[in-house]
Every structure is written in C-alpha cells, then in structure tokens.
Amino acid sequence: MVALQNHVGKISFSANFFTELIGNTVTSCFGVIAMNVRGFRETLTAALPKAKKQDFARGVKVDYKDGALTIDLHISLMYGVNINAVSKSIINKVDYTVRRATGLDVGKINVFVDSIRV
C-alpha cells in the first residue's frame, strides 16, 4: 500500500489498484497476448479451478521505495512483432498511465518477455 499526504488529507493506493491498472494497460498494447505468472506461488494459484481466465494482476509486481515506483512486468508476445518496439511502447504507456492516475513518480519499469506465441 502506498500512502500520500497532501494539504487536503491522506490518499492511499492499494497493491490491487496498481496491479489492475498496470495489467489492464499492458494487455491493451499491440502485440501483448497475455500476462505471465511471476513465480512458483502464482503458478500454483493459476492452476486452481477458481482462477480467473484473464487475471490482470498476474505478471505485475510493484514496489514503492524512496518516493518512486519500480514495476516488473512478465508478458507473452505474439510471434512477428518487434520486441524492442513493443517493450518501449509498454514502458511509455505504463509510465504515462500511472503518473496520470496517481501523480506518483515511476522510477523504473522492467519488461520481461517470457514467451512468444504463434
């Protein structure tokens, strides 16, 4: 949870807010097929029958340190797209969306292409 204090009061952003916002933004980019699981725990959770078909929070990790966000994204891309161009597009779009929605600084965005699908 990230909390900001201003002259009006306190604003709190939950981890779920960030993962849904960022996951929705990333999956709307051209060439992105899906968000991938990040680790063993998410792999087990995704295998459960109650898991959602498209969970936007899957594949997104957000850390808040020293007044800036660090965002890790794990994605699958479609075959034939320029990985560098799509990654730059994702970075720019996520940076813009998070800054506009929250007013927080985005320190670093890491894009991990875990698979390419046909």
Protein backbone atom coordinates (compact mmCIF):
# COMPACT_ATOMS: atom_id res chain seq x y z
CA MET A 1 0.00 0.00 0.00
CA VAL A 2 1.23 3.46 -0.91
CA ALA A 3 0.04 6.45 1.10
CA LEU A 4 0.44 10.13 0.21
CA GLN A 5 -0.24 13.11 2.42
CA ASN A 6 -1.26 16.48 0.99
CA HIS A 7 -2.99 19.65 2.22
CA VAL A 8 -6.44 18.08 1.81
CA GLY A 9 -5.75 14.76 3.52
CA LYS A 10 -4.33 11.29 3.04
CA ILE A 11 -4.57 9.27 -0.19
CA SER A 12 -3.91 5.53 -0.08
CA PHE A 13 -3.37 3.27 -3.10
CA SER A 14 -3.69 -0.49 -2.62
CA ALA A 15 -1.47 -3.04 -4.34
CA ASN A 16 -4.56 -4.37 -6.10
CA PHE A 17 -5.21 -0.92 -7.61
CA PHE A 18 -1.73 -0.80 -9.14
CA THR A 19 -1.77 -4.35 -10.48
CA GLU A 20 -5.20 -3.95 -12.10
CA LEU A 21 -4.34 -0.54 -13.58
CA ILE A 22 -0.98 -1.66 -14.95
CA GLY A 23 -2.19 -5.09 -16.10
CA ASN A 24 -5.09 -3.56 -18.00
CA THR A 25 -2.76 -1.01 -19.60
CA VAL A 26 -0.22 -3.63 -20.68
CA THR A 27 -2.76 -6.04 -22.17
CA SER A 28 -4.21 -3.21 -24.27
CA CYS A 29 -0.83 -2.72 -26.03
CA PHE A 30 -0.35 -4.14 -29.53
CA GLY A 31 1.46 -7.46 -29.60
CA VAL A 32 0.80 -8.46 -25.99
CA ILE A 33 -1.05 -11.76 -25.77
CA ALA A 34 -1.10 -12.30 -22.01
CA MET A 35 0.40 -11.53 -18.65
CA ASN A 36 2.53 -14.40 -17.32
CA VAL A 37 2.86 -15.68 -13.79
CA ARG A 38 5.89 -14.38 -11.88
CA GLY A 39 6.82 -17.28 -9.66
CA PHE A 40 6.01 -20.61 -8.09
CA ARG A 41 3.18 -19.31 -5.89
CA GLU A 42 1.41 -17.63 -8.81
CA THR A 43 1.89 -20.76 -10.94
CA LEU A 44 0.06 -22.84 -8.32
CA THR A 45 -2.66 -20.22 -7.90
CA ALA A 46 -3.21 -20.00 -11.67
CA ALA A 47 -3.68 -23.79 -11.82
CA LEU A 48 -6.61 -23.71 -9.40
CA PRO A 49 -10.07 -24.14 -10.95
CA LYS A 50 -11.34 -20.89 -9.40
CA ALA A 51 -8.59 -18.83 -11.07
CA LYS A 52 -9.84 -16.19 -13.50
CA LYS A 53 -9.23 -16.70 -17.21
CA GLN A 54 -7.51 -13.32 -17.61
CA ASP A 55 -6.21 -12.01 -14.34
CA PHE A 56 -4.60 -8.60 -14.94
CA ALA A 57 -2.71 -8.79 -11.65
CA ARG A 58 -0.81 -11.83 -12.86
CA GLY A 59 2.66 -10.86 -14.04
CA VAL A 60 2.77 -7.43 -12.35
CA LYS A 61 4.97 -6.59 -9.37
CA VAL A 62 5.05 -3.07 -7.92
CA ASP A 63 7.48 -1.82 -5.26
CA TYR A 64 7.46 1.66 -3.72
CA LYS A 65 10.79 2.84 -2.32
CA ASP A 66 12.39 6.25 -1.91
CA GLY A 67 9.38 8.06 -3.37
CA ALA A 68 9.36 6.18 -6.69
CA LEU A 69 7.69 3.07 -8.06
CA THR A 70 9.58 0.12 -9.52
CA ILE A 71 7.42 -2.01 -11.80
CA ASP A 72 8.22 -5.50 -13.09
CA LEU A 73 6.11 -6.91 -15.94
CA HIS A 74 6.10 -10.51 -17.21
CA ILE A 75 4.42 -10.83 -20.61
CA SER A 76 3.86 -13.07 -23.63
CA LEU A 77 4.11 -11.53 -27.09
CA MET A 78 2.73 -12.62 -30.43
CA TYR A 79 5.15 -14.01 -32.99
CA GLY A 80 6.47 -11.50 -35.52
CA VAL A 81 6.33 -8.28 -33.51
CA ASN A 82 9.39 -6.16 -32.84
CA ILE A 83 10.19 -6.95 -29.21
CA ASN A 84 12.15 -3.75 -28.66
CA ALA A 85 9.40 -1.53 -30.10
CA VAL A 86 6.64 -3.26 -28.13
CA SER A 87 8.67 -3.08 -24.91
CA LYS A 88 9.31 0.66 -25.37
CA SER A 89 5.62 1.20 -26.11
CA ILE A 90 4.64 -0.67 -22.94
CA ILE A 91 7.12 1.30 -20.84
CA ASN A 92 5.87 4.65 -22.17
CA LYS A 93 2.19 3.74 -21.82
CA VAL A 94 2.54 2.35 -18.27
CA ASP A 95 4.62 5.35 -17.18
CA TYR A 96 2.05 7.80 -18.56
CA THR A 97 -0.95 5.92 -17.14
CA VAL A 98 0.48 5.55 -13.63
CA ARG A 99 1.66 9.17 -13.45
CA ARG A 100 -1.70 10.45 -14.69
CA ALA A 101 -3.80 8.25 -12.41
CA THR A 102 -1.76 8.63 -9.21
CA GLY A 103 0.68 11.52 -9.57
CA LEU A 104 3.49 9.25 -8.33
CA ASP A 105 6.96 9.11 -9.87
CA VAL A 106 7.84 5.95 -11.76
CA GLY A 107 11.50 5.16 -11.18
CA LYS A 108 11.96 2.05 -13.27
CA ILE A 109 9.86 -0.26 -15.43
CA ASN A 110 11.30 -3.70 -16.24
CA VAL A 111 9.66 -5.70 -19.05
CA PHE A 112 10.37 -9.44 -19.11
CA VAL A 113 9.27 -11.24 -22.29
CA ASP A 114 8.75 -14.78 -21.02
CA SER A 115 7.38 -16.31 -24.21
CA ILE A 116 6.49 -15.68 -27.82
CA ARG A 117 3.37 -17.40 -29.14
CA VAL A 118 2.24 -18.09 -32.68
